[in-house]
PDB file of N, CA and C in Angstrom:
ATOM      1  N   UNK A   1      40.040  35.809  75.235  1.00  0.00           N
ATOM      2  CA  UNK A   1      40.624  36.618  74.171  1.00  0.00           C
ATOM      3  C   UNK A   1      42.143  36.498  74.267  1.00  0.00           C
ATOM      4  N   UNK A   2      42.760  36.187  73.169  1.00  0.00           N
ATOM      5  CA  UNK A   2      44.218  36.051  73.120  1.00  0.00           C
ATOM      6  C   UNK A   2      44.857  37.432  73.048  1.00  0.00           C
ATOM      7  N   UNK A   3      46.000  37.554  73.711  1.00  0.00           N
ATOM      8  CA  UNK A   3      46.740  38.799  73.625  1.00  0.00           C
ATOM      9  C   UNK A   3      47.213  39.020  72.198  1.00  0.00           C
ATOM     10  N   UNK A   4      47.138  40.272  71.768  1.00  0.00           N
ATOM     11  CA  UNK A   4      47.505  40.604  70.394  1.00  0.00           C
ATOM     12  C   UNK A   4      48.986  40.341  70.129  1.00  0.00           C
ATOM     13  N   UNK A   5      49.833  40.594  71.108  1.00  0.00           N
ATOM     14  CA  UNK A   5      51.267  40.389  70.885  1.00  0.00           C
ATOM     15  C   UNK A   5      51.579  38.916  70.631  1.00  0.00           C
ATOM     16  N   UNK A   6      50.781  38.007  71.196  1.00  0.00           N
ATOM     17  CA  UNK A   6      50.994  36.581  70.937  1.00  0.00           C
ATOM     18  C   UNK A   6      50.575  36.236  69.508  1.00  0.00           C
ATOM     19  N   UNK A   7      49.469  36.856  69.067  1.00  0.00           N
ATOM     20  CA  UNK A   7      49.014  36.621  67.701  1.00  0.00           C
ATOM     21  C   UNK A   7      50.037  37.120  66.682  1.00  0.00           C
ATOM     22  N   UNK A   8      50.762  38.184  67.059  1.00  0.00           N
ATOM     23  CA  UNK A   8      51.781  38.748  66.180  1.00  0.00           C
ATOM     24  C   UNK A   8      52.797  37.684  65.775  1.00  0.00           C
ATOM     25  N   UNK A   9      53.155  36.828  66.731  1.00  0.00           N
ATOM     26  CA  UNK A   9      54.167  35.801  66.469  1.00  0.00           C
ATOM     27  C   UNK A   9      53.565  34.503  65.933  1.00  0.00           C
ATOM     28  N   UNK A  10      52.280  34.299  66.170  1.00  0.00           N
ATOM     29  CA  UNK A  10      51.650  33.047  65.766  1.00  0.00           C
ATOM     30  C   UNK A  10      51.030  33.088  64.368  1.00  0.00           C
ATOM     31  N   UNK A  11      50.581  34.245  63.948  1.00  0.00           N
ATOM     32  CA  UNK A  11      49.855  34.366  62.683  1.00  0.00           C
ATOM     33  C   UNK A  11      50.732  35.023  61.628  1.00  0.00           C
ATOM     34  N   UNK A  12      50.300  34.905  60.378  1.00  0.00           N
ATOM     35  CA  UNK A  12      51.031  35.639  59.340  1.00  0.00           C
ATOM     36  C   UNK A  12      50.609  37.107  59.392  1.00  0.00           C
ATOM     37  N   UNK A  13      51.316  37.924  58.653  1.00  0.00           N
ATOM     38  CA  UNK A  13      51.140  39.375  58.711  1.00  0.00           C
ATOM     39  C   UNK A  13      49.692  39.796  58.429  1.00  0.00           C
ATOM     40  N   UNK A  14      49.081  39.215  57.402  1.00  0.00           N
ATOM     41  CA  UNK A  14      47.708  39.589  57.043  1.00  0.00           C
ATOM     42  C   UNK A  14      46.703  39.214  58.129  1.00  0.00           C
ATOM     43  N   UNK A  15      46.852  38.010  58.690  1.00  0.00           N
ATOM     44  CA  UNK A  15      45.942  37.586  59.758  1.00  0.00           C
ATOM     45  C   UNK A  15      46.080  38.492  60.982  1.00  0.00           C
ATOM     46  N   UNK A  16      47.328  38.841  61.313  1.00  0.00           N
ATOM     47  CA  UNK A  16      47.559  39.731  62.449  1.00  0.00           C
ATOM     48  C   UNK A  16      46.908  41.087  62.201  1.00  0.00           C
ATOM     49  N   UNK A  17      47.123  41.675  61.018  1.00  0.00           N
ATOM     50  CA  UNK A  17      46.548  42.985  60.710  1.00  0.00           C
ATOM     51  C   UNK A  17      45.023  42.947  60.742  1.00  0.00           C
ATOM     52  N   UNK A  18      44.446  41.885  60.228  1.00  0.00           N
ATOM     53  CA  UNK A  18      42.984  41.756  60.263  1.00  0.00           C
ATOM     54  C   UNK A  18      42.471  41.742  61.701  1.00  0.00           C
ATOM     55  N   UNK A  19      43.143  40.988  62.557  1.00  0.00           N
ATOM     56  CA  UNK A  19      42.744  40.895  63.961  1.00  0.00           C
ATOM     57  C   UNK A  19      42.934  42.237  64.663  1.00  0.00           C
ATOM     58  N   UNK A  20      44.049  42.910  64.391  1.00  0.00           N
ATOM     59  CA  UNK A  20      44.323  44.219  64.988  1.00  0.00           C
ATOM     60  C   UNK A  20      43.229  45.216  64.593  1.00  0.00           C
ATOM     61  N   UNK A  21      42.913  45.317  63.313  1.00  0.00           N
ATOM     62  CA  UNK A  21      41.901  46.269  62.853  1.00  0.00           C
ATOM     63  C   UNK A  21      40.508  45.897  63.363  1.00  0.00           C
ATOM     64  N   UNK A  22      40.244  44.613  63.495  1.00  0.00           N
ATOM     65  CA  UNK A  22      38.966  44.171  64.061  1.00  0.00           C
ATOM     66  C   UNK A  22      38.837  44.648  65.508  1.00  0.00           C
ATOM     67  N   UNK A  23      39.920  44.483  66.263  1.00  0.00           N
ATOM     68  CA  UNK A  23      39.885  44.881  67.681  1.00  0.00           C
ATOM     69  C   UNK A  23      39.859  46.395  67.849  1.00  0.00           C
ATOM     70  N   UNK A  24      40.709  47.109  67.153  1.00  0.00           N
ATOM     71  CA  UNK A  24      40.811  48.556  67.364  1.00  0.00           C
ATOM     72  C   UNK A  24      39.563  49.289  66.881  1.00  0.00           C
ATOM     73  N   UNK A  25      38.822  48.694  65.976  1.00  0.00           N
ATOM     74  CA  UNK A  25      37.606  49.322  65.474  1.00  0.00           C
ATOM     75  C   UNK A  25      36.349  48.843  66.185  1.00  0.00           C
ATOM     76  N   UNK A  26      36.509  48.078  67.238  1.00  0.00           N
ATOM     77  CA  UNK A  26      35.375  47.611  68.019  1.00  0.00           C
ATOM     78  C   UNK A  26      34.731  48.789  68.757  1.00  0.00           C
ATOM     79  N   UNK A  27      33.418  48.729  68.939  1.00  0.00           N
ATOM     80  CA  UNK A  27      32.710  49.798  69.652  1.00  0.00           C
ATOM     81  C   UNK A  27      33.135  49.912  71.115  1.00  0.00           C
ATOM     82  N   UNK A  28      33.610  48.817  71.708  1.00  0.00           N
ATOM     83  CA  UNK A  28      33.984  48.811  73.121  1.00  0.00           C
ATOM     84  C   UNK A  28      35.376  49.374  73.383  1.00  0.00           C
ATOM     85  N   UNK A  29      36.155  49.576  72.344  1.00  0.00           N
ATOM     86  CA  UNK A  29      37.556  49.982  72.486  1.00  0.00           C
ATOM     87  C   UNK A  29      37.685  51.487  72.707  1.00  0.00           C
ATOM     88  N   UNK A  30      38.622  51.842  73.579  1.00  0.00           N
ATOM     89  CA  UNK A  30      39.000  53.247  73.778  1.00  0.00           C
ATOM     90  C   UNK A  30      40.377  53.430  73.153  1.00  0.00           C
ATOM     91  N   UNK A  31      40.424  54.257  72.122  1.00  0.00           N
ATOM     92  CA  UNK A  31      41.699  54.524  71.435  1.00  0.00           C
ATOM     93  C   UNK A  31      42.418  55.647  72.158  1.00  0.00           C
ATOM     94  N   UNK A  32      43.727  55.522  72.289  1.00  0.00           N
ATOM     95  CA  UNK A  32      44.516  56.465  73.084  1.00  0.00           C
ATOM     96  C   UNK A  32      45.210  57.553  72.272  1.00  0.00           C
ATOM     97  N   UNK A  33      45.200  57.448  70.961  1.00  0.00           N
ATOM     98  CA  UNK A  33      45.892  58.394  70.081  1.00  0.00           C
ATOM     99  C   UNK A  33      47.386  58.478  70.407  1.00  0.00           C
ATOM    100  N   UNK A  34      47.922  57.374  70.893  1.00  0.00           N
ATOM    101  CA  UNK A  34      49.355  57.198  71.119  1.00  0.00           C
ATOM    102  C   UNK A  34      49.778  56.028  70.243  1.00  0.00           C
ATOM    103  N   UNK A  35      50.964  56.131  69.697  1.00  0.00           N
ATOM    104  CA  UNK A  35      51.416  55.093  68.769  1.00  0.00           C
ATOM    105  C   UNK A  35      52.730  54.505  69.241  1.00  0.00           C
ATOM    106  N   UNK A  36      52.891  53.209  68.983  1.00  0.00           N
ATOM    107  CA  UNK A  36      54.159  52.543  69.274  1.00  0.00           C
ATOM    108  C   UNK A  36      54.682  51.936  67.986  1.00  0.00           C
ATOM    109  N   UNK A  37      55.984  51.867  67.904  1.00  0.00           N
ATOM    110  CA  UNK A  37      56.630  51.223  66.769  1.00  0.00           C
ATOM    111  C   UNK A  37      57.508  50.119  67.340  1.00  0.00           C
ATOM    112  N   UNK A  38      57.068  48.864  67.188  1.00  0.00           N
ATOM    113  CA  UNK A  38      57.872  47.762  67.719  1.00  0.00           C
ATOM    114  C   UNK A  38      59.278  47.741  67.107  1.00  0.00           C
ATOM    115  N   UNK A  39      60.216  47.271  67.891  1.00  0.00           N
ATOM    116  CA  UNK A  39      61.601  47.173  67.440  1.00  0.00           C
ATOM    117  C   UNK A  39      61.667  46.296  66.196  1.00  0.00           C
ATOM    118  N   UNK A  40      62.450  46.728  65.244  1.00  0.00           N
ATOM    119  CA  UNK A  40      62.666  45.993  63.989  1.00  0.00           C
ATOM    120  C   UNK A  40      61.386  45.801  63.176  1.00  0.00           C
ATOM    121  N   UNK A  41      60.421  46.693  63.347  1.00  0.00           N
ATOM    122  CA  UNK A  41      59.188  46.618  62.566  1.00  0.00           C
ATOM    123  C   UNK A  41      59.024  47.925  61.789  1.00  0.00           C
ATOM    124  N   UNK A  42      58.538  47.861  60.575  1.00  0.00           N
ATOM    125  CA  UNK A  42      58.439  49.072  59.753  1.00  0.00           C
ATOM    126  C   UNK A  42      57.246  49.970  60.089  1.00  0.00           C
ATOM    127  N   UNK A  43      56.218  49.438  60.753  1.00  0.00           N
ATOM    128  CA  UNK A  43      55.024  50.247  60.968  1.00  0.00           C
ATOM    129  C   UNK A  43      54.726  50.493  62.440  1.00  0.00           C
ATOM    130  N   UNK A  44      53.907  51.518  62.685  1.00  0.00           N
ATOM    131  CA  UNK A  44      53.473  51.872  64.027  1.00  0.00           C
ATOM    132  C   UNK A  44      52.045  51.390  64.246  1.00  0.00           C
ATOM    133  N   UNK A  45      51.690  51.230  65.521  1.00  0.00           N
ATOM    134  CA  UNK A  45      50.358  50.779  65.886  1.00  0.00           C
ATOM    135  C   UNK A  45      49.783  51.698  66.957  1.00  0.00           C
ATOM    136  N   UNK A  46      48.508  52.033  66.806  1.00  0.00           N
ATOM    137  CA  UNK A  46      47.852  52.866  67.808  1.00  0.00           C
ATOM    138  C   UNK A  46      47.536  52.019  69.037  1.00  0.00           C
ATOM    139  N   UNK A  47      47.769  52.607  70.204  1.00  0.00           N
ATOM    140  CA  UNK A  47      47.463  51.912  71.448  1.00  0.00           C
ATOM    141  C   UNK A  47      45.981  52.050  71.767  1.00  0.00           C
ATOM    142  N   UNK A  48      45.432  51.048  72.409  1.00  0.00           N
ATOM    143  CA  UNK A  48      44.026  51.050  72.784  1.00  0.00           C
ATOM    144  C   UNK A  48      43.843  50.174  74.011  1.00  0.00           C
ATOM    145  N   UNK A  49      42.677  50.254  74.614  1.00  0.00           N
ATOM    146  CA  UNK A  49      42.329  49.327  75.684  1.00  0.00           C
ATOM    147  C   UNK A  49      40.826  49.094  75.665  1.00  0.00           C
ATOM    148  N   UNK A  50      40.432  47.999  76.292  1.00  0.00           N
ATOM    149  CA  UNK A  50      39.016  47.673  76.422  1.00  0.00           C
ATOM    150  C   UNK A  50      38.661  47.879  77.890  1.00  0.00           C
ATOM    151  N   UNK A  51      37.791  48.851  78.184  1.00  0.00           N
ATOM    152  CA  UNK A  51      37.444  49.101  79.588  1.00  0.00           C
ATOM    153  C   UNK A  51      36.598  47.957  80.160  1.00  0.00           C
ATOM    154  N   UNK A  52      37.205  47.200  81.040  1.00  0.00           N
ATOM    155  CA  UNK A  52      36.514  46.083  81.680  1.00  0.00           C
ATOM    156  C   UNK A  52      35.832  46.574  82.959  1.00  0.00           C
ATOM    157  N   UNK A  53      35.001  45.743  83.544  1.00  0.00           N
ATOM    158  CA  UNK A  53      34.346  46.115  84.805  1.00  0.00           C
ATOM    159  C   UNK A  53      35.379  46.415  85.884  1.00  0.00           C
ATOM    160  N   UNK A  54      36.469  45.659  85.896  1.00  0.00           N
ATOM    161  CA  UNK A  54      37.528  45.879  86.876  1.00  0.00           C
ATOM    162  C   UNK A  54      38.155  47.266  86.704  1.00  0.00           C
ATOM    163  N   UNK A  55      38.438  47.641  85.454  1.00  0.00           N
ATOM    164  CA  UNK A  55      39.016  48.964  85.185  1.00  0.00           C
ATOM    165  C   UNK A  55      38.036  50.058  85.586  1.00  0.00           C
ATOM    166  N   UNK A  56      36.776  49.893  85.256  1.00  0.00           N
ATOM    167  CA  UNK A  56      35.762  50.893  85.593  1.00  0.00           C
ATOM    168  C   UNK A  56      35.641  51.049  87.116  1.00  0.00           C
ATOM    169  N   UNK A  57      35.686  49.926  87.847  1.00  0.00           N
ATOM    170  CA  UNK A  57      35.643  49.978  89.315  1.00  0.00           C
ATOM    171  C   UNK A  57      36.851  50.728  89.880  1.00  0.00           C
ATOM    172  N   UNK A  58      38.041  50.467  89.320  1.00  0.00           N
ATOM    173  CA  UNK A  58      39.248  51.151  89.796  1.00  0.00           C
ATOM    174  C   UNK A  58      39.176  52.651  89.522  1.00  0.00           C
ATOM    175  N   UNK A  59      38.682  53.030  88.353  1.00  0.00           N
ATOM    176  CA  UNK A  59      38.553  54.455  88.021  1.00  0.00           C
ATOM    177  C   UNK A  59      37.574  55.120  88.994  1.00  0.00           C
ATOM    178  N   UNK A  60      36.478  54.446  89.312  1.00  0.00           N
ATOM    179  CA  UNK A  60      35.502  54.993  90.253  1.00  0.00           C
ATOM    180  C   UNK A  60      36.134  55.188  91.635  1.00  0.00           C
ATOM    181  N   UNK A  61      36.941  54.223  92.080  1.00  0.00           N
ATOM    182  CA  UNK A  61      37.620  54.351  93.377  1.00  0.00           C
ATOM    183  C   UNK A  61      38.607  55.518  93.362  1.00  0.00           C
ATOM    184  N   UNK A  62      39.347  55.645  92.268  1.00  0.00           N
ATOM    185  CA  UNK A  62      40.307  56.748  92.147  1.00  0.00           C
ATOM    186  C   UNK A  62      39.573  58.084  92.197  1.00  0.00           C
ATOM    187  N   UNK A  63      38.460  58.189  91.491  1.00  0.00           N
ATOM    188  CA  UNK A  63      37.675  59.418  91.465  1.00  0.00           C
ATOM    189  C   UNK A  63      37.173  59.764  92.868  1.00  0.00           C
ATOM    190  N   UNK A  64      36.692  58.762  93.603  1.00  0.00           N
ATOM    191  CA  UNK A  64      36.201  58.981  94.968  1.00  0.00           C
ATOM    192  C   UNK A  64      37.342  59.439  95.884  1.00  0.00           C
ATOM    193  N   UNK A  65      38.469  58.730  95.826  1.00  0.00           N
ATOM    194  CA  UNK A  65      39.617  59.094  96.663  1.00  0.00           C
ATOM    195  C   UNK A  65      40.150  60.476  96.307  1.00  0.00           C
ATOM    196  N   UNK A  66      40.101  60.830  95.020  1.00  0.00           N
ATOM    197  CA  UNK A  66      40.548  62.154  94.590  1.00  0.00           C
ATOM    198  C   UNK A  66      39.683  63.234  95.233  1.00  0.00           C
ATOM    199  N   UNK A  67      38.379  63.012  95.275  1.00  0.00           N
ATOM    200  CA  UNK A  67      37.475  63.973  95.924  1.00  0.00           C
ATOM    201  C   UNK A  67      37.781  64.107  97.406  1.00  0.00           C
ATOM    202  N   UNK A  68      38.032  62.979  98.073  1.00  0.00           N
ATOM    203  CA  UNK A  68      38.369  63.013  99.501  1.00  0.00           C
ATOM    204  C   UNK A  68      39.681  63.761  99.731  1.00  0.00           C
ATOM    205  N   UNK A  69      40.669  63.512  98.871  1.00  0.00           N
ATOM    206  CA  UNK A  69      41.962  64.190  98.991  1.00  0.00           C
ATOM    207  C   UNK A  69      41.798  65.693  98.789  1.00  0.00           C
ATOM    208  N   UNK A  70      41.016  66.091  97.785  1.00  0.00           N
ATOM    209  CA  UNK A  70      40.772  67.518  97.552  1.00  0.00           C
ATOM    210  C   UNK A  70      40.093  68.167  98.746  1.00  0.00           C
ATOM    211  N   UNK A  71      39.134  67.471  99.349  1.00  0.00           N
ATOM    212  CA  UNK A  71      38.434  68.006 100.518  1.00  0.00           C
ATOM    213  C   UNK A  71      39.414  68.250 101.662  1.00  0.00           C
ATOM    214  N   UNK A  72      40.256  67.253 101.949  1.00  0.00           N
ATOM    215  CA  UNK A  72      41.240  67.379 103.032  1.00  0.00           C
ATOM    216  C   UNK A  72      42.264  68.460 102.697  1.00  0.00           C
ATOM    217  N   UNK A  73      42.756  68.461 101.459  1.00  0.00           N
ATOM    218  CA  UNK A  73      43.761  69.439 101.037  1.00  0.00           C
ATOM    219  C   UNK A  73      43.230  70.864 101.200  1.00  0.00           C
ATOM    220  N   UNK A  74      41.979  71.097 100.827  1.00  0.00           N
ATOM    221  CA  UNK A  74      41.404  72.442 100.920  1.00  0.00           C
ATOM    222  C   UNK A  74      41.211  72.917 102.350  1.00  0.00           C
ATOM    223  N   UNK A  75      41.263  72.015 103.317  1.00  0.00           N
ATOM    224  CA  UNK A  75      41.158  72.402 104.723  1.00  0.00           C
ATOM    225  C   UNK A  75      42.514  72.785 105.323  1.00  0.00           C
ATOM    226  N   UNK A  76      43.591  72.519 104.599  1.00  0.00           N
ATOM    227  CA  UNK A  76      44.932  72.839 105.097  1.00  0.00           C
ATOM    228  C   UNK A  76      45.206  74.331 104.995  1.00  0.00           C
ATOM    229  N   UNK A  77      46.139  74.789 105.835  1.00  0.00           N
ATOM    230  CA  UNK A  77      46.591  76.181 105.735  1.00  0.00           C
ATOM    231  C   UNK A  77      47.462  76.336 104.487  1.00  0.00           C
ATOM    232  N   UNK A  78      47.708  77.572 104.078  1.00  0.00           N
ATOM    233  CA  UNK A  78      48.548  77.820 102.895  1.00  0.00           C
ATOM    234  C   UNK A  78      49.939  77.236 103.092  1.00  0.00           C
ATOM    235  N   UNK A  79      50.499  77.397 104.293  1.00  0.00           N
ATOM    236  CA  UNK A  79      51.845  76.874 104.576  1.00  0.00           C
ATOM    237  C   UNK A  79      51.862  75.349 104.429  1.00  0.00           C
ATOM    238  N   UNK A  80      50.853  74.678 104.967  1.00  0.00           N
ATOM    239  CA  UNK A  80      50.790  73.221 104.877  1.00  0.00           C
ATOM    240  C   UNK A  80      50.605  72.775 103.423  1.00  0.00           C
ATOM    241  N   UNK A  81      49.779  73.506 102.658  1.00  0.00           N
ATOM    242  CA  UNK A  81      49.584  73.177 101.245  1.00  0.00           C
ATOM    243  C   UNK A  81      50.896  73.313 100.486  1.00  0.00           C
ATOM    244  N   UNK A  82      51.602  74.419 100.712  1.00  0.00           N
ATOM    245  CA  UNK A  82      52.882  74.645 100.038  1.00  0.00           C
ATOM    246  C   UNK A  82      53.887  73.546 100.385  1.00  0.00           C
ATOM    247  N   UNK A  83      53.935  73.159 101.650  1.00  0.00           N
ATOM    248  CA  UNK A  83      54.869  72.120 102.078  1.00  0.00           C
ATOM    249  C   UNK A  83      54.502  70.777 101.428  1.00  0.00           C
ATOM    250  N   UNK A  84      53.222  70.461 101.390  1.00  0.00           N
ATOM    251  CA  UNK A  84      52.764  69.210 100.771  1.00  0.00           C
ATOM    252  C   UNK A  84      53.146  69.167  99.301  1.00  0.00           C
ATOM    253  N   UNK A  85      52.908  70.265  98.594  1.00  0.00           N
ATOM    254  CA  UNK A  85      53.247  70.332  97.165  1.00  0.00           C
ATOM    255  C   UNK A  85      54.748  70.189  96.966  1.00  0.00           C
ATOM    256  N   UNK A  86      55.531  70.849  97.812  1.00  0.00           N
ATOM    257  CA  UNK A  86      56.993  70.737  97.732  1.00  0.00           C
ATOM    258  C   UNK A  86      57.433  69.292  97.948  1.00  0.00           C
ATOM    259  N   UNK A  87      56.872  68.634  98.955  1.00  0.00           N
ATOM    260  CA  UNK A  87      57.231  67.240  99.226  1.00  0.00           C
ATOM    261  C   UNK A  87      56.883  66.328  98.048  1.00  0.00           C
ATOM    262  N   UNK A  88      55.708  66.538  97.454  1.00  0.00           N
ATOM    263  CA  UNK A  88      55.306  65.726  96.290  1.00  0.00           C
ATOM    264  C   UNK A  88      56.254  65.957  95.115  1.00  0.00           C
ATOM    265  N   UNK A  89      56.607  67.209  94.883  1.00  0.00           N
ATOM    266  CA  UNK A  89      57.507  67.550  93.787  1.00  0.00           C
ATOM    267  C   UNK A  89      58.889  66.935  94.003  1.00  0.00           C
ATOM    268  N   UNK A  90      59.418  67.047  95.214  1.00  0.00           N
ATOM    269  CA  UNK A  90      60.731  66.482  95.522  1.00  0.00           C
ATOM    270  C   UNK A  90      60.704  64.967  95.340  1.00  0.00           C
ATOM    271  N   UNK A  91      59.663  64.325  95.826  1.00  0.00           N
ATOM    272  CA  UNK A  91      59.548  62.863  95.704  1.00  0.00           C
ATOM    273  C   UNK A  91      59.485  62.442  94.232  1.00  0.00           C
ATOM    274  N   UNK A  92      58.704  63.166  93.438  1.00  0.00           N
ATOM    275  CA  UNK A  92      58.571  62.842  92.011  1.00  0.00           C
ATOM    276  C   UNK A  92      59.902  63.035  91.278  1.00  0.00           C
ATOM    277  N   UNK A  93      60.573  64.145  91.538  1.00  0.00           N
ATOM    278  CA  UNK A  93      61.869  64.398  90.902  1.00  0.00           C
ATOM    279  C   UNK A  93      62.908  63.358  91.331  1.00  0.00           C
ATOM    280  N   UNK A  94      62.899  62.998  92.601  1.00  0.00           N
ATOM    281  CA  UNK A  94      63.845  61.990  93.093  1.00  0.00           C
ATOM    282  C   UNK A  94      63.626  60.654  92.385  1.00  0.00           C
ATOM    283  N   UNK A  95      62.361  60.225  92.303  1.00  0.00           N
ATOM    284  CA  UNK A  95      62.051  58.947  91.656  1.00  0.00           C
ATOM    285  C   UNK A  95      62.376  58.976  90.164  1.00  0.00           C
ATOM    286  N   UNK A  96      62.098  60.091  89.503  1.00  0.00           N
ATOM    287  CA  UNK A  96      62.423  60.223  88.088  1.00  0.00           C
ATOM    288  C   UNK A  96      63.936  60.159  87.875  1.00  0.00           C
ATOM    289  N   UNK A  97      64.669  60.879  88.712  1.00  0.00           N
ATOM    290  CA  UNK A  97      66.131  60.845  88.619  1.00  0.00           C
ATOM    291  C   UNK A  97      66.668  59.434  88.840  1.00  0.00           C
ATOM    292  N   UNK A  98      66.090  58.747  89.805  1.00  0.00           N
ATOM    293  CA  UNK A  98      66.531  57.388  90.097  1.00  0.00           C
ATOM    294  C   UNK A  98      66.300  56.464  88.894  1.00  0.00           C
ATOM    295  N   UNK A  99      65.143  56.606  88.248  1.00  0.00           N
ATOM    296  CA  UNK A  99      64.852  55.807  87.053  1.00  0.00           C
ATOM    297  C   UNK A  99      65.842  56.093  85.933  1.00  0.00           C
ATOM    298  N   UNK A 100      66.256  57.347  85.821  1.00  0.00           N
ATOM    299  CA  UNK A 100      67.161  57.752  84.744  1.00  0.00           C
ATOM    300  C   UNK A 100      68.626  57.614  85.122  1.00  0.00           C
ATOM    301  N   UNK A 101      68.892  57.128  86.334  1.00  0.00           N
ATOM    302  CA  UNK A 101      70.272  56.902  86.757  1.00  0.00           C
ATOM    303  C   UNK A 101      70.995  58.149  87.218  1.00  0.00           C
ATOM    304  N   UNK A 102      70.248  59.214  87.553  1.00  0.00           N
ATOM    305  CA  UNK A 102      70.853  60.450  88.050  1.00  0.00           C
ATOM    306  C   UNK A 102      70.979  60.335  89.566  1.00  0.00           C
ATOM    307  N   UNK A 103      72.194  60.489  90.066  1.00  0.00           N
ATOM    308  CA  UNK A 103      72.431  60.351  91.502  1.00  0.00           C
ATOM    309  C   UNK A 103      72.314  61.702  92.197  1.00  0.00           C
ATOM    310  N   UNK A 104      71.357  61.815  93.098  1.00  0.00           N
ATOM    311  CA  UNK A 104      71.228  63.007  93.937  1.00  0.00           C
ATOM    312  C   UNK A 104      70.335  62.649  95.117  1.00  0.00           C
ATOM    313  N   UNK A 105      70.419  63.472  96.153  1.00  0.00           N
ATOM    314  CA  UNK A 105      69.608  63.211  97.341  1.00  0.00           C
ATOM    315  C   UNK A 105      68.335  64.051  97.294  1.00  0.00           C
ATOM    316  N   UNK A 106      67.376  63.677  98.130  1.00  0.00           N
ATOM    317  CA  UNK A 106      66.137  64.451  98.217  1.00  0.00           C
ATOM    318  C   UNK A 106      66.421  65.861  98.749  1.00  0.00           C
ATOM    319  N   UNK A 107      67.417  65.960  99.611  1.00  0.00           N
ATOM    320  CA  UNK A 107      67.782  67.265 100.162  1.00  0.00           C
ATOM    321  C   UNK A 107      68.299  68.194  99.061  1.00  0.00           C
ATOM    322  N   UNK A 108      69.117  67.647  98.163  1.00  0.00           N
ATOM    323  CA  UNK A 108      69.637  68.454  97.045  1.00  0.00           C
ATOM    324  C   UNK A 108      68.500  68.925  96.146  1.00  0.00           C
ATOM    325  N   UNK A 109      67.552  68.046  95.890  1.00  0.00           N
ATOM    326  CA  UNK A 109      66.417  68.409  95.042  1.00  0.00           C
ATOM    327  C   UNK A 109      65.581  69.486  95.728  1.00  0.00           C
ATOM    328  N   UNK A 110      65.317  69.305  97.018  1.00  0.00           N
ATOM    329  CA  UNK A 110      64.521  70.292  97.763  1.00  0.00           C
ATOM    330  C   UNK A 110      65.210  71.655  97.751  1.00  0.00           C
ATOM    331  N   UNK A 111      66.515  71.653  97.936  1.00  0.00           N
ATOM    332  CA  UNK A 111      67.272  72.910  97.908  1.00  0.00           C
ATOM    333  C   UNK A 111      67.154  73.578  96.544  1.00  0.00           C
ATOM    334  N   UNK A 112      67.271  72.785  95.480  1.00  0.00           N
ATOM    335  CA  UNK A 112      67.169  73.327  94.121  1.00  0.00           C
ATOM    336  C   UNK A 112      65.783  73.896  93.855  1.00  0.00           C
ATOM    337  N   UNK A 113      64.760  73.177  94.274  1.00  0.00           N
ATOM    338  CA  UNK A 113      63.383  73.652  94.065  1.00  0.00           C
ATOM    339  C   UNK A 113      63.161  74.954  94.824  1.00  0.00           C
ATOM    340  N   UNK A 114      63.634  75.003  96.058  1.00  0.00           N
ATOM    341  CA  UNK A 114      63.468  76.224  96.860  1.00  0.00           C
ATOM    342  C   UNK A 114      64.229  77.395  96.230  1.00  0.00           C
ATOM    343  N   UNK A 115      65.416  77.133  95.681  1.00  0.00           N
ATOM    344  CA  UNK A 115      66.200  78.174  95.024  1.00  0.00           C
ATOM    345  C   UNK A 115      65.458  78.722  93.806  1.00  0.00           C
ATOM    346  N   UNK A 116      64.925  77.846  92.987  1.00  0.00           N
ATOM    347  CA  UNK A 116      64.163  78.267  91.804  1.00  0.00           C
ATOM    348  C   UNK A 116      62.952  79.074  92.236  1.00  0.00           C
ATOM    349  N   UNK A 117      62.269  78.608  93.271  1.00  0.00           N
ATOM    350  CA  UNK A 117      61.077  79.320  93.765  1.00  0.00           C
ATOM    351  C   UNK A 117      61.453  80.716  94.263  1.00  0.00           C
ATOM    352  N   UNK A 118      62.558  80.825  94.977  1.00  0.00           N
ATOM    353  CA  UNK A 118      63.001  82.129  95.490  1.00  0.00           C
ATOM    354  C   UNK A 118      63.356  83.071  94.343  1.00  0.00           C
ATOM    355  N   UNK A 119      64.044  82.550  93.319  1.00  0.00           N
ATOM    356  CA  UNK A 119      64.401  83.380  92.168  1.00  0.00           C
ATOM    357  C   UNK A 119      63.150  83.894  91.465  1.00  0.00           C
ATOM    358  N   UNK A 120      62.127  83.051  91.349  1.00  0.00           N
ATOM    359  CA  UNK A 120      60.870  83.475  90.715  1.00  0.00           C
ATOM    360  C   UNK A 120      60.187  84.555  91.547  1.00  0.00           C
ATOM    361  N   UNK A 121      60.222  84.388  92.873  1.00  0.00           N
ATOM    362  CA  UNK A 121      59.591  85.381  93.746  1.00  0.00           C
ATOM    363  C   UNK A 121      60.315  86.722  93.640  1.00  0.00           C
ATOM    364  N   UNK A 122      61.651  86.688  93.621  1.00  0.00           N
ATOM    365  CA  UNK A 122      62.430  87.928  93.511  1.00  0.00           C
ATOM    366  C   UNK A 122      62.164  88.589  92.166  1.00  0.00           C
ATOM    367  N   UNK A 123      62.159  87.823  91.114  1.00  0.00           N
ATOM    368  CA  UNK A 123      61.899  88.342  89.772  1.00  0.00           C
ATOM    369  C   UNK A 123      60.500  88.952  89.696  1.00  0.00           C
ATOM    370  N   UNK A 124      59.515  88.265  90.283  1.00  0.00           N
ATOM    371  CA  UNK A 124      58.136  88.769  90.302  1.00  0.00           C
ATOM    372  C   UNK A 124      58.051  90.084  91.064  1.00  0.00           C
ATOM    373  N   UNK A 125      58.746  90.167  92.210  1.00  0.00           N
ATOM    374  CA  UNK A 125      58.722  91.394  93.010  1.00  0.00           C
ATOM    375  C   UNK A 125      59.385  92.546  92.286  1.00  0.00           C
ATOM    376  N   UNK A 126      60.433  92.263  91.505  1.00  0.00           N
ATOM    377  CA  UNK A 126      61.117  93.310  90.768  1.00  0.00           C
ATOM    378  C   UNK A 126      60.255  93.845  89.618  1.00  0.00           C
ATOM    379  N   UNK A 127      59.461  92.969  89.012  1.00  0.00           N
ATOM    380  CA  UNK A 127      58.598  93.368  87.904  1.00  0.00           C
ATOM    381  C   UNK A 127      57.436  94.206  88.407  1.00  0.00           C
ATOM    382  N   UNK A 128      56.868  93.813  89.532  1.00  0.00           N
ATOM    383  CA  UNK A 128      55.714  94.527  90.077  1.00  0.00           C
ATOM    384  C   UNK A 128      56.173  95.808  90.636  1.00  0.00           C
TER     385      UNK A 128
END
């Protein structure tokens, strides 16, 4: 099967649209309800994928590992769970900032997260 983006450049507009609608309306296709608008193009296209055996195997592995992670996580103490969640949050924020070109350290992010958490706890205690 040829990639659709290659057909976009190889075929005329009508042939490309026919192929796109043929593929997106296939029974095997999973539509994502997300749309992209290619640069310098007037129309948007819905994203889709065809679940192959390889994709299905990977999803099954992810599902299995997720269950194992949940089992281990639920055996942790509250303090360990809180620390794990904080570490994941700091790592995610750091990586997102890095992608967006925002310069900061993991320590600064951790301090900010802890400050926000403390303010929420104080606010909650004042309300109760």
